[in-house]
């Protein structure tokens, strides 16, 4: 796979890690033992951390500060609210 000048490398990593995060979260539902669930969750956590790292590295390049701050605040709020609802 090669990258053209119009397509930065970090966007390819973000797409890949987003897809892998989804795959690992779905395959964790197939775990039959506690150890298998731990393994799937470790893989999910690893890929989602990379995905969020790339996301936070890319947003300053794409969006103005005002929009980025509003979007991050709304996302953080939704994350906390839905996290509380899940628990």
N, C-alpha and C. Protein backbone atom coordinates (compact mmCIF):
# COMPACT_ATOMS: atom_id res chain seq x y z
N UNK A 1 0.84 -1.16 0.00
CA UNK A 1 0.00 0.00 0.00
C UNK A 1 0.90 1.24 0.00
N UNK A 2 0.62 2.15 -0.88
CA UNK A 2 1.38 3.38 -0.94
C UNK A 2 0.45 4.57 -0.74
N UNK A 3 1.04 5.68 -0.37
CA UNK A 3 0.27 6.86 -0.04
C UNK A 3 0.59 7.95 -1.05
N UNK A 4 -0.44 8.58 -1.59
CA UNK A 4 -0.23 9.71 -2.49
C UNK A 4 -0.09 10.99 -1.66
N UNK A 5 0.28 12.06 -2.31
CA UNK A 5 0.45 13.32 -1.60
C UNK A 5 -0.88 13.87 -1.08
N UNK A 6 -1.99 13.49 -1.69
CA UNK A 6 -3.29 14.00 -1.27
C UNK A 6 -3.87 13.22 -0.09
N UNK A 7 -3.28 12.11 0.25
CA UNK A 7 -3.83 11.25 1.29
C UNK A 7 -2.78 11.01 2.37
N UNK A 8 -2.86 11.74 3.49
CA UNK A 8 -1.86 11.58 4.55
C UNK A 8 -1.87 10.18 5.15
N UNK A 9 -0.73 9.75 5.61
CA UNK A 9 -0.58 8.40 6.16
C UNK A 9 -1.44 8.20 7.41
N UNK A 10 -1.58 9.22 8.25
CA UNK A 10 -2.34 9.04 9.49
C UNK A 10 -3.81 8.76 9.25
N UNK A 11 -4.36 9.20 8.14
CA UNK A 11 -5.76 8.88 7.86
C UNK A 11 -5.93 7.40 7.52
N UNK A 12 -4.94 6.81 6.87
CA UNK A 12 -5.00 5.37 6.59
C UNK A 12 -4.95 4.58 7.90
N UNK A 13 -4.10 4.99 8.83
CA UNK A 13 -4.02 4.31 10.11
C UNK A 13 -5.31 4.44 10.89
N UNK A 14 -5.92 5.62 10.82
CA UNK A 14 -7.19 5.82 11.53
C UNK A 14 -8.27 4.90 10.97
N UNK A 15 -8.34 4.78 9.66
CA UNK A 15 -9.34 3.90 9.05
C UNK A 15 -9.10 2.44 9.44
N UNK A 16 -7.85 2.02 9.42
CA UNK A 16 -7.51 0.66 9.77
C UNK A 16 -7.83 0.37 11.23
N UNK A 17 -7.44 1.27 12.12
CA UNK A 17 -7.67 1.04 13.54
C UNK A 17 -9.15 1.12 13.89
N UNK A 18 -9.90 1.97 13.19
CA UNK A 18 -11.35 2.01 13.42
C UNK A 18 -11.98 0.68 13.03
N UNK A 19 -11.58 0.15 11.89
CA UNK A 19 -12.11 -1.14 11.45
C UNK A 19 -11.72 -2.26 12.41
N UNK A 20 -10.46 -2.28 12.84
CA UNK A 20 -10.01 -3.32 13.77
C UNK A 20 -10.71 -3.20 15.12
N UNK A 21 -10.95 -1.97 15.57
CA UNK A 21 -11.68 -1.78 16.83
C UNK A 21 -13.06 -2.40 16.73
N UNK A 22 -13.75 -2.15 15.63
CA UNK A 22 -15.06 -2.75 15.43
C UNK A 22 -15.02 -4.26 15.36
N UNK A 23 -14.01 -4.79 14.69
CA UNK A 23 -13.87 -6.25 14.59
C UNK A 23 -13.64 -6.86 15.97
N UNK A 24 -12.74 -6.28 16.75
CA UNK A 24 -12.44 -6.84 18.07
C UNK A 24 -13.62 -6.71 19.03
N UNK A 25 -14.37 -5.63 18.94
CA UNK A 25 -15.52 -5.49 19.84
C UNK A 25 -16.59 -6.51 19.48
N UNK A 26 -16.76 -6.78 18.20
CA UNK A 26 -17.75 -7.79 17.79
C UNK A 26 -17.28 -9.21 18.12
N UNK A 27 -16.00 -9.49 17.92
CA UNK A 27 -15.52 -10.84 18.21
C UNK A 27 -15.43 -11.11 19.70
N UNK A 28 -15.41 -10.06 20.51
CA UNK A 28 -15.39 -10.32 21.96
C UNK A 28 -16.69 -10.97 22.41
N UNK A 29 -17.74 -10.83 21.62
CA UNK A 29 -19.00 -11.48 21.99
C UNK A 29 -18.96 -12.99 21.75
N UNK A 30 -17.94 -13.49 21.08
CA UNK A 30 -17.82 -14.93 20.85
C UNK A 30 -17.00 -15.63 21.93
N UNK A 31 -16.49 -14.87 22.88
CA UNK A 31 -15.62 -15.45 23.92
C UNK A 31 -16.41 -16.42 24.80
N UNK A 32 -15.84 -17.58 25.01
CA UNK A 32 -16.49 -18.60 25.83
C UNK A 32 -15.88 -18.70 27.23
N UNK A 33 -14.67 -18.14 27.39
CA UNK A 33 -14.02 -18.19 28.69
C UNK A 33 -13.61 -16.78 29.11
N UNK A 34 -13.29 -16.65 30.35
CA UNK A 34 -12.84 -15.36 30.88
C UNK A 34 -11.52 -14.93 30.24
N UNK A 35 -10.63 -15.89 30.00
CA UNK A 35 -9.34 -15.56 29.37
C UNK A 35 -9.52 -15.09 27.94
N UNK A 36 -10.44 -15.70 27.21
CA UNK A 36 -10.70 -15.28 25.83
C UNK A 36 -11.28 -13.87 25.82
N UNK A 37 -12.18 -13.59 26.73
CA UNK A 37 -12.76 -12.24 26.82
C UNK A 37 -11.69 -11.22 27.15
N UNK A 38 -10.79 -11.56 28.05
CA UNK A 38 -9.69 -10.67 28.40
C UNK A 38 -8.82 -10.40 27.17
N UNK A 39 -8.52 -11.41 26.40
CA UNK A 39 -7.71 -11.23 25.19
C UNK A 39 -8.37 -10.33 24.17
N UNK A 40 -9.66 -10.55 23.91
CA UNK A 40 -10.39 -9.70 22.96
C UNK A 40 -10.47 -8.26 23.46
N UNK A 41 -10.71 -8.09 24.76
CA UNK A 41 -10.79 -6.74 25.30
C UNK A 41 -9.45 -6.03 25.28
N UNK A 42 -8.36 -6.77 25.47
CA UNK A 42 -7.03 -6.15 25.35
C UNK A 42 -6.79 -5.69 23.92
N UNK A 43 -7.15 -6.51 22.95
CA UNK A 43 -6.99 -6.13 21.54
C UNK A 43 -7.87 -4.93 21.21
N UNK A 44 -9.09 -4.93 21.71
CA UNK A 44 -9.99 -3.79 21.49
C UNK A 44 -9.42 -2.52 22.10
N UNK A 45 -8.94 -2.60 23.33
CA UNK A 45 -8.39 -1.42 23.99
C UNK A 45 -7.16 -0.89 23.26
N UNK A 46 -6.31 -1.78 22.81
CA UNK A 46 -5.09 -1.37 22.08
C UNK A 46 -5.45 -0.62 20.80
N UNK A 47 -6.33 -1.21 19.99
CA UNK A 47 -6.66 -0.57 18.72
C UNK A 47 -7.48 0.71 18.93
N UNK A 48 -8.35 0.75 19.93
CA UNK A 48 -9.14 1.97 20.14
C UNK A 48 -8.25 3.10 20.66
N UNK A 49 -7.25 2.78 21.47
CA UNK A 49 -6.32 3.83 21.93
C UNK A 49 -5.53 4.41 20.76
N UNK A 50 -5.10 3.56 19.84
CA UNK A 50 -4.41 4.07 18.66
C UNK A 50 -5.35 4.91 17.82
N UNK A 51 -6.58 4.44 17.66
CA UNK A 51 -7.57 5.18 16.87
C UNK A 51 -7.80 6.57 17.47
N UNK A 52 -7.98 6.66 18.79
CA UNK A 52 -8.20 7.96 19.42
C UNK A 52 -6.94 8.82 19.37
N UNK A 53 -5.77 8.22 19.48
CA UNK A 53 -4.53 8.99 19.36
C UNK A 53 -4.39 9.62 18.00
N UNK A 54 -4.69 8.86 16.96
CA UNK A 54 -4.65 9.40 15.60
C UNK A 54 -5.72 10.47 15.42
N UNK A 55 -6.90 10.22 15.98
CA UNK A 55 -7.99 11.19 15.86
C UNK A 55 -7.59 12.53 16.48
N UNK A 56 -7.01 12.50 17.67
CA UNK A 56 -6.62 13.75 18.33
C UNK A 56 -5.44 14.41 17.64
N UNK A 57 -4.63 13.64 16.93
CA UNK A 57 -3.52 14.23 16.18
C UNK A 57 -4.00 14.86 14.88
N UNK A 58 -5.08 14.34 14.31
CA UNK A 58 -5.57 14.82 13.01
C UNK A 58 -6.48 16.03 13.14
N UNK A 59 -7.31 16.08 14.19
CA UNK A 59 -8.31 17.15 14.27
C UNK A 59 -7.73 18.56 14.26
N UNK A 60 -6.57 18.83 14.86
CA UNK A 60 -6.05 20.19 14.75
C UNK A 60 -5.72 20.60 13.31
N UNK A 61 -5.43 19.63 12.47
CA UNK A 61 -5.11 19.93 11.08
C UNK A 61 -6.36 20.17 10.24
N UNK A 62 -7.49 19.62 10.66
CA UNK A 62 -8.69 19.65 9.83
C UNK A 62 -9.72 20.71 10.24
N UNK A 63 -9.85 20.97 11.53
CA UNK A 63 -10.93 21.83 12.01
C UNK A 63 -10.39 23.04 12.76
N UNK A 64 -11.09 24.18 12.66
CA UNK A 64 -10.70 25.35 13.45
C UNK A 64 -10.88 25.10 14.94
N UNK A 65 -10.22 25.88 15.75
CA UNK A 65 -10.22 25.67 17.20
C UNK A 65 -11.62 25.71 17.79
N UNK A 66 -12.44 26.66 17.37
CA UNK A 66 -13.80 26.80 17.93
C UNK A 66 -14.62 25.53 17.67
N UNK A 67 -14.59 25.06 16.44
CA UNK A 67 -15.36 23.86 16.10
C UNK A 67 -14.80 22.62 16.78
N UNK A 68 -13.49 22.54 16.86
CA UNK A 68 -12.85 21.38 17.48
C UNK A 68 -13.19 21.31 18.96
N UNK A 69 -13.16 22.44 19.65
CA UNK A 69 -13.48 22.47 21.07
C UNK A 69 -14.92 22.07 21.33
N UNK A 70 -15.83 22.59 20.51
CA UNK A 70 -17.25 22.25 20.66
C UNK A 70 -17.48 20.76 20.40
N UNK A 71 -16.89 20.25 19.34
CA UNK A 71 -17.04 18.83 19.02
C UNK A 71 -16.48 17.92 20.09
N UNK A 72 -15.30 18.27 20.62
CA UNK A 72 -14.70 17.45 21.68
C UNK A 72 -15.55 17.48 22.94
N UNK A 73 -16.10 18.65 23.28
CA UNK A 73 -16.94 18.75 24.47
C UNK A 73 -18.23 17.94 24.32
N UNK A 74 -18.84 18.02 23.15
CA UNK A 74 -20.08 17.26 22.93
C UNK A 74 -19.81 15.76 22.96
N UNK A 75 -18.69 15.34 22.37
CA UNK A 75 -18.34 13.92 22.36
C UNK A 75 -18.03 13.42 23.77
N UNK A 76 -17.28 14.21 24.54
CA UNK A 76 -16.95 13.81 25.90
C UNK A 76 -18.21 13.72 26.76
N UNK A 77 -19.12 14.67 26.58
CA UNK A 77 -20.37 14.65 27.34
C UNK A 77 -21.21 13.42 26.99
N UNK A 78 -21.35 13.14 25.69
CA UNK A 78 -22.12 11.97 25.27
C UNK A 78 -21.47 10.68 25.78
N UNK A 79 -20.15 10.63 25.75
CA UNK A 79 -19.42 9.45 26.22
C UNK A 79 -19.72 9.21 27.70
N UNK A 80 -19.70 10.24 28.49
CA UNK A 80 -19.96 10.08 29.93
C UNK A 80 -21.41 9.73 30.21
N UNK A 81 -22.34 10.39 29.54
CA UNK A 81 -23.75 10.14 29.77
C UNK A 81 -24.11 8.71 29.39
N UNK A 82 -23.68 8.27 28.21
CA UNK A 82 -24.01 6.91 27.78
C UNK A 82 -23.23 5.88 28.60
N UNK A 83 -22.04 6.23 29.06
CA UNK A 83 -21.31 5.32 29.94
C UNK A 83 -22.04 5.10 31.25
N UNK A 84 -22.65 6.16 31.78
CA UNK A 84 -23.43 6.03 33.02
C UNK A 84 -24.69 5.21 32.75
N UNK A 85 -25.31 5.42 31.60
CA UNK A 85 -26.52 4.66 31.28
C UNK A 85 -26.23 3.16 31.13
N UNK A 86 -25.05 2.83 30.62
CA UNK A 86 -24.69 1.42 30.44
C UNK A 86 -24.48 0.75 31.79
N UNK A 87 -23.86 1.47 32.71
CA UNK A 87 -23.59 0.88 34.03
C UNK A 87 -24.86 0.86 34.80
